[in-house]
Amino acid sequence: MIDVWIDELTPCLKDNDTGELVDTEVIRLHRKSFLSKYNQKNHWFVSCAKLHQKNRWNMAMVAL
């Protein structure tokens, strides 16, 4: 389970310190090896590679 708090809806990511909106894009992740970079060792709540399942789409939001 991933616990998320949504405090405001914006069209993209927002820097809470400055209020600046950061252009973003949603991409589809095709390789499990890409997800393996995001794990508990580098302060992610969950090891993302464990979430990867065959025949399911894995999406990511990236800053432009």
PDB file of N, CA and C in Angstrom:
ATOM      1  N   MET A   1       0.832  -1.175   0.000  1.00  0.00           N
ATOM      2  CA  MET A   1       0.000   0.000   0.000  1.00  0.00           C
ATOM      3  C   MET A   1       0.880   1.241   0.000  1.00  0.00           C
ATOM      4  N   ILE A   2       0.477   2.228  -0.777  1.00  0.00           N
ATOM      5  CA  ILE A   2       1.173   3.514  -0.804  1.00  0.00           C
ATOM      6  C   ILE A   2       0.228   4.550  -0.230  1.00  0.00           C
ATOM      7  N   ASP A   3       0.675   5.274   0.773  1.00  0.00           N
ATOM      8  CA  ASP A   3      -0.118   6.280   1.442  1.00  0.00           C
ATOM      9  C   ASP A   3       0.210   7.640   0.825  1.00  0.00           C
ATOM     10  N   VAL A   4      -0.806   8.360   0.338  1.00  0.00           N
ATOM     11  CA  VAL A   4      -0.600   9.634  -0.350  1.00  0.00           C
ATOM     12  C   VAL A   4      -1.504  10.695   0.255  1.00  0.00           C
ATOM     13  N   TRP A   5      -0.966  11.900   0.425  1.00  0.00           N
ATOM     14  CA  TRP A   5      -1.751  13.033   0.881  1.00  0.00           C
ATOM     15  C   TRP A   5      -1.792  14.050  -0.251  1.00  0.00           C
ATOM     16  N   ILE A   6      -2.979  14.380  -0.747  1.00  0.00           N
ATOM     17  CA  ILE A   6      -3.139  15.377  -1.804  1.00  0.00           C
ATOM     18  C   ILE A   6      -3.686  16.637  -1.154  1.00  0.00           C
ATOM     19  N   ASP A   7      -2.859  17.698  -1.137  1.00  0.00           N
ATOM     20  CA  ASP A   7      -3.282  18.930  -0.490  1.00  0.00           C
ATOM     21  C   ASP A   7      -3.761  19.985  -1.483  1.00  0.00           C
ATOM     22  N   GLU A   8      -3.462  19.780  -2.778  1.00  0.00           N
ATOM     23  CA  GLU A   8      -3.868  20.746  -3.796  1.00  0.00           C
ATOM     24  C   GLU A   8      -3.781  20.077  -5.157  1.00  0.00           C
ATOM     25  N   LEU A   9      -4.729  20.359  -6.042  1.00  0.00           N
ATOM     26  CA  LEU A   9      -4.669  19.834  -7.397  1.00  0.00           C
ATOM     27  C   LEU A   9      -4.033  20.888  -8.299  1.00  0.00           C
ATOM     28  N   THR A  10      -3.009  20.488  -9.019  1.00  0.00           N
ATOM     29  CA  THR A  10      -2.314  21.375  -9.951  1.00  0.00           C
ATOM     30  C   THR A  10      -2.136  20.635 -11.273  1.00  0.00           C
ATOM     31  N   PRO A  11      -1.882  21.364 -12.366  1.00  0.00           N
ATOM     32  CA  PRO A  11      -1.716  20.707 -13.668  1.00  0.00           C
ATOM     33  C   PRO A  11      -0.370  19.994 -13.806  1.00  0.00           C
ATOM     34  N   CYS A  12       0.521  20.176 -12.841  1.00  0.00           N
ATOM     35  CA  CYS A  12       1.846  19.548 -12.874  1.00  0.00           C
ATOM     36  C   CYS A  12       2.410  19.585 -11.455  1.00  0.00           C
ATOM     37  N   LEU A  13       3.674  19.273 -11.291  1.00  0.00           N
ATOM     38  CA  LEU A  13       4.290  19.315  -9.958  1.00  0.00           C
ATOM     39  C   LEU A  13       4.502  20.760  -9.511  1.00  0.00           C
ATOM     40  N   LYS A  14       4.412  20.978  -8.224  1.00  0.00           N
ATOM     41  CA  LYS A  14       4.593  22.310  -7.653  1.00  0.00           C
ATOM     42  C   LYS A  14       5.627  22.257  -6.547  1.00  0.00           C
ATOM     43  N   ASP A  15       6.594  23.159  -6.587  1.00  0.00           N
ATOM     44  CA  ASP A  15       7.595  23.280  -5.531  1.00  0.00           C
ATOM     45  C   ASP A  15       6.918  23.984  -4.358  1.00  0.00           C
ATOM     46  N   ASN A  16       6.752  23.284  -3.251  1.00  0.00           N
ATOM     47  CA  ASN A  16       6.048  23.858  -2.104  1.00  0.00           C
ATOM     48  C   ASN A  16       6.787  25.031  -1.476  1.00  0.00           C
ATOM     49  N   ASP A  17       8.115  25.074  -1.593  1.00  0.00           N
ATOM     50  CA  ASP A  17       8.871  26.164  -0.992  1.00  0.00           C
ATOM     51  C   ASP A  17       8.718  27.464  -1.772  1.00  0.00           C
ATOM     52  N   THR A  18       8.726  27.382  -3.109  1.00  0.00           N
ATOM     53  CA  THR A  18       8.705  28.580  -3.946  1.00  0.00           C
ATOM     54  C   THR A  18       7.363  28.839  -4.619  1.00  0.00           C
ATOM     55  N   GLY A  19       6.511  27.822  -4.709  1.00  0.00           N
ATOM     56  CA  GLY A  19       5.251  27.957  -5.423  1.00  0.00           C
ATOM     57  C   GLY A  19       5.393  27.782  -6.922  1.00  0.00           C
ATOM     58  N   GLU A  20       6.621  27.549  -7.389  1.00  0.00           N
ATOM     59  CA  GLU A  20       6.889  27.391  -8.823  1.00  0.00           C
ATOM     60  C   GLU A  20       6.288  26.085  -9.340  1.00  0.00           C
ATOM     61  N   LEU A  21       5.620  26.170 -10.496  1.00  0.00           N
ATOM     62  CA  LEU A  21       5.097  24.979 -11.151  1.00  0.00           C
ATOM     63  C   LEU A  21       6.170  24.411 -12.069  1.00  0.00           C
ATOM     64  N   VAL A  22       6.357  23.097 -12.010  1.00  0.00           N
ATOM     65  CA  VAL A  22       7.388  22.417 -12.802  1.00  0.00           C
ATOM     66  C   VAL A  22       6.689  21.606 -13.883  1.00  0.00           C
ATOM     67  N   ASP A  23       7.022  21.885 -15.153  1.00  0.00           N
ATOM     68  CA  ASP A  23       6.426  21.123 -16.249  1.00  0.00           C
ATOM     69  C   ASP A  23       6.768  19.652 -16.101  1.00  0.00           C
ATOM     70  N   THR A  24       5.763  18.814 -16.282  1.00  0.00           N
ATOM     71  CA  THR A  24       5.942  17.374 -16.127  1.00  0.00           C
ATOM     72  C   THR A  24       5.284  16.629 -17.276  1.00  0.00           C
ATOM     73  N   GLU A  25       5.633  15.373 -17.370  1.00  0.00           N
ATOM     74  CA  GLU A  25       5.060  14.491 -18.383  1.00  0.00           C
ATOM     75  C   GLU A  25       4.931  13.108 -17.770  1.00  0.00           C
ATOM     76  N   VAL A  26       3.906  12.380 -18.148  1.00  0.00           N
ATOM     77  CA  VAL A  26       3.731  11.001 -17.688  1.00  0.00           C
ATOM     78  C   VAL A  26       4.235  10.077 -18.787  1.00  0.00           C
ATOM     79  N   ILE A  27       5.110   9.146 -18.404  1.00  0.00           N
ATOM     80  CA  ILE A  27       5.679   8.205 -19.375  1.00  0.00           C
ATOM     81  C   ILE A  27       5.391   6.775 -18.929  1.00  0.00           C
ATOM     82  N   ARG A  28       5.401   5.875 -19.881  1.00  0.00           N
ATOM     83  CA  ARG A  28       5.232   4.452 -19.586  1.00  0.00           C
ATOM     84  C   ARG A  28       6.609   3.825 -19.422  1.00  0.00           C
ATOM     85  N   LEU A  29       6.777   3.058 -18.360  1.00  0.00           N
ATOM     86  CA  LEU A  29       8.043   2.370 -18.105  1.00  0.00           C
ATOM     87  C   LEU A  29       7.936   0.948 -18.623  1.00  0.00           C
ATOM     88  N   HIS A  30       8.814   0.602 -19.532  1.00  0.00           N
ATOM     89  CA  HIS A  30       8.755  -0.715 -20.161  1.00  0.00           C
ATOM     90  C   HIS A  30       9.664  -1.745 -19.486  1.00  0.00           C
ATOM     91  N   ARG A  31      10.743  -1.271 -18.832  1.00  0.00           N
ATOM     92  CA  ARG A  31      11.742  -2.211 -18.307  1.00  0.00           C
ATOM     93  C   ARG A  31      11.750  -2.246 -16.779  1.00  0.00           C
ATOM     94  N   LYS A  32      11.749  -3.435 -16.243  1.00  0.00           N
ATOM     95  CA  LYS A  32      11.842  -3.620 -14.792  1.00  0.00           C
ATOM     96  C   LYS A  32      13.183  -3.096 -14.285  1.00  0.00           C
ATOM     97  N   SER A  33      14.221  -3.166 -15.100  1.00  0.00           N
ATOM     98  CA  SER A  33      15.545  -2.699 -14.676  1.00  0.00           C
ATOM     99  C   SER A  33      15.529  -1.199 -14.355  1.00  0.00           C
ATOM    100  N   PHE A  34      14.704  -0.424 -15.059  1.00  0.00           N
ATOM    101  CA  PHE A  34      14.592   1.005 -14.764  1.00  0.00           C
ATOM    102  C   PHE A  34      14.005   1.219 -13.381  1.00  0.00           C
ATOM    103  N   LEU A  35      12.991   0.443 -13.041  1.00  0.00           N
ATOM    104  CA  LEU A  35      12.348   0.571 -11.734  1.00  0.00           C
ATOM    105  C   LEU A  35      13.274   0.182 -10.590  1.00  0.00           C
ATOM    106  N   SER A  36      14.238  -0.678 -10.848  1.00  0.00           N
ATOM    107  CA  SER A  36      15.125  -1.146  -9.779  1.00  0.00           C
ATOM    108  C   SER A  36      15.985  -0.025  -9.197  1.00  0.00           C
ATOM    109  N   LYS A  37      16.087   1.111  -9.893  1.00  0.00           N
ATOM    110  CA  LYS A  37      16.846   2.262  -9.385  1.00  0.00           C
ATOM    111  C   LYS A  37      16.141   2.923  -8.203  1.00  0.00           C
ATOM    112  N   TYR A  38      14.843   2.674  -8.073  1.00  0.00           N
ATOM    113  CA  TYR A  38      14.042   3.320  -7.039  1.00  0.00           C
ATOM    114  C   TYR A  38      13.694   2.293  -5.975  1.00  0.00           C
ATOM    115  N   ASN A  39      14.417   2.365  -4.848  1.00  0.00           N
ATOM    116  CA  ASN A  39      14.254   1.357  -3.811  1.00  0.00           C
ATOM    117  C   ASN A  39      14.435   1.978  -2.428  1.00  0.00           C
ATOM    118  N   GLN A  40      14.256   1.181  -1.416  1.00  0.00           N
ATOM    119  CA  GLN A  40      14.355   1.666  -0.040  1.00  0.00           C
ATOM    120  C   GLN A  40      15.760   2.130   0.316  1.00  0.00           C
ATOM    121  N   LYS A  41      16.775   1.619  -0.372  1.00  0.00           N
ATOM    122  CA  LYS A  41      18.155   2.044  -0.092  1.00  0.00           C
ATOM    123  C   LYS A  41      18.361   3.519  -0.424  1.00  0.00           C
ATOM    124  N   ASN A  42      17.644   4.035  -1.433  1.00  0.00           N
ATOM    125  CA  ASN A  42      17.784   5.458  -1.752  1.00  0.00           C
ATOM    126  C   ASN A  42      16.509   6.234  -1.381  1.00  0.00           C
ATOM    127  N   HIS A  43      15.910   5.794  -0.274  1.00  0.00           N
ATOM    128  CA  HIS A  43      14.852   6.525   0.444  1.00  0.00           C
ATOM    129  C   HIS A  43      13.481   6.521  -0.229  1.00  0.00           C
ATOM    130  N   TRP A  44      13.204   5.547  -1.058  1.00  0.00           N
ATOM    131  CA  TRP A  44      11.848   5.367  -1.557  1.00  0.00           C
ATOM    132  C   TRP A  44      11.106   4.483  -0.559  1.00  0.00           C
ATOM    133  N   PHE A  45       9.821   4.689  -0.427  1.00  0.00           N
ATOM    134  CA  PHE A  45       9.010   3.960   0.545  1.00  0.00           C
ATOM    135  C   PHE A  45       8.976   2.470   0.240  1.00  0.00           C
ATOM    136  N   VAL A  46       9.033   2.125  -1.030  1.00  0.00           N
ATOM    137  CA  VAL A  46       8.927   0.736  -1.461  1.00  0.00           C
ATOM    138  C   VAL A  46       9.919   0.507  -2.599  1.00  0.00           C
ATOM    139  N   SER A  47      10.392  -0.707  -2.751  1.00  0.00           N
ATOM    140  CA  SER A  47      11.231  -1.044  -3.895  1.00  0.00           C
ATOM    141  C   SER A  47      10.324  -1.182  -5.117  1.00  0.00           C
ATOM    142  N   CYS A  48      10.434  -0.246  -6.046  1.00  0.00           N
ATOM    143  CA  CYS A  48       9.491  -0.162  -7.164  1.00  0.00           C
ATOM    144  C   CYS A  48       9.543  -1.386  -8.074  1.00  0.00           C
ATOM    145  N   ALA A  49      10.683  -2.045  -8.183  1.00  0.00           N
ATOM    146  CA  ALA A  49      10.768  -3.226  -9.043  1.00  0.00           C
ATOM    147  C   ALA A  49       9.832  -4.329  -8.551  1.00  0.00           C
ATOM    148  N   LYS A  50       9.549  -4.352  -7.261  1.00  0.00           N
ATOM    149  CA  LYS A  50       8.628  -5.356  -6.717  1.00  0.00           C
ATOM    150  C   LYS A  50       7.188  -5.101  -7.179  1.00  0.00           C
ATOM    151  N   LEU A  51       6.895  -3.874  -7.593  1.00  0.00           N
ATOM    152  CA  LEU A  51       5.546  -3.540  -8.043  1.00  0.00           C
ATOM    153  C   LEU A  51       5.302  -3.928  -9.494  1.00  0.00           C
ATOM    154  N   HIS A  52       6.381  -4.156 -10.237  1.00  0.00           N
ATOM    155  CA  HIS A  52       6.261  -4.463 -11.659  1.00  0.00           C
ATOM    156  C   HIS A  52       5.598  -5.817 -11.854  1.00  0.00           C
ATOM    157  N   GLN A  53       4.563  -5.845 -12.671  1.00  0.00           N
ATOM    158  CA  GLN A  53       3.882  -7.097 -12.965  1.00  0.00           C
ATOM    159  C   GLN A  53       3.701  -7.211 -14.468  1.00  0.00           C
ATOM    160  N   LYS A  54       3.873  -8.410 -14.963  1.00  0.00           N
ATOM    161  CA  LYS A  54       3.697  -8.653 -16.382  1.00  0.00           C
ATOM    162  C   LYS A  54       2.260  -8.338 -16.786  1.00  0.00           C
ATOM    163  N   ASN A  55       2.101  -7.797 -17.981  1.00  0.00           N
ATOM    164  CA  ASN A  55       0.797  -7.433 -18.542  1.00  0.00           C
ATOM    165  C   ASN A  55       0.115  -6.282 -17.812  1.00  0.00           C
ATOM    166  N   ARG A  56       0.880  -5.484 -17.073  1.00  0.00           N
ATOM    167  CA  ARG A  56       0.346  -4.263 -16.453  1.00  0.00           C
ATOM    168  C   ARG A  56       1.243  -3.104 -16.861  1.00  0.00           C
ATOM    169  N   TRP A  57       0.659  -1.945 -16.996  1.00  0.00           N
ATOM    170  CA  TRP A  57       1.435  -0.760 -17.349  1.00  0.00           C
ATOM    171  C   TRP A  57       1.998  -0.119 -16.091  1.00  0.00           C
ATOM    172  N   ASN A  58       3.256   0.291 -16.158  1.00  0.00           N
ATOM    173  CA  ASN A  58       3.896   1.019 -15.085  1.00  0.00           C
ATOM    174  C   ASN A  58       4.166   2.425 -15.611  1.00  0.00           C
ATOM    175  N   MET A  59       3.659   3.425 -14.903  1.00  0.00           N
ATOM    176  CA  MET A  59       3.767   4.804 -15.356  1.00  0.00           C
ATOM    177  C   MET A  59       4.615   5.614 -14.376  1.00  0.00           C
ATOM    178  N   ALA A  60       5.219   6.689 -14.881  1.00  0.00           N
ATOM    179  CA  ALA A  60       6.018   7.581 -14.030  1.00  0.00           C
ATOM    180  C   ALA A  60       5.773   9.013 -14.450  1.00  0.00           C
ATOM    181  N   MET A  61       5.818   9.925 -13.499  1.00  0.00           N
ATOM    182  CA  MET A  61       5.745  11.335 -13.805  1.00  0.00           C
ATOM    183  C   MET A  61       7.164  11.890 -13.734  1.00  0.00           C
ATOM    184  N   VAL A  62       7.600  12.548 -14.799  1.00  0.00           N
ATOM    185  CA  VAL A  62       8.963  13.070 -14.859  1.00  0.00           C
ATOM    186  C   VAL A  62       8.938  14.574 -15.105  1.00  0.00           C
ATOM    187  N   ALA A  63       9.919  15.275 -14.539  1.00  0.00           N
ATOM    188  CA  ALA A  63      10.056  16.705 -14.775  1.00  0.00           C
ATOM    189  C   ALA A  63      10.723  16.936 -16.120  1.00  0.00           C
ATOM    190  N   LEU A  64      10.261  17.946 -16.838  1.00  0.00           N
ATOM    191  CA  LEU A  64      10.835  18.273 -18.141  1.00  0.00           C
ATOM    192  C   LEU A  64      11.941  19.283 -18.016  1.00  0.00           C
TER     193      LEU A  64
END
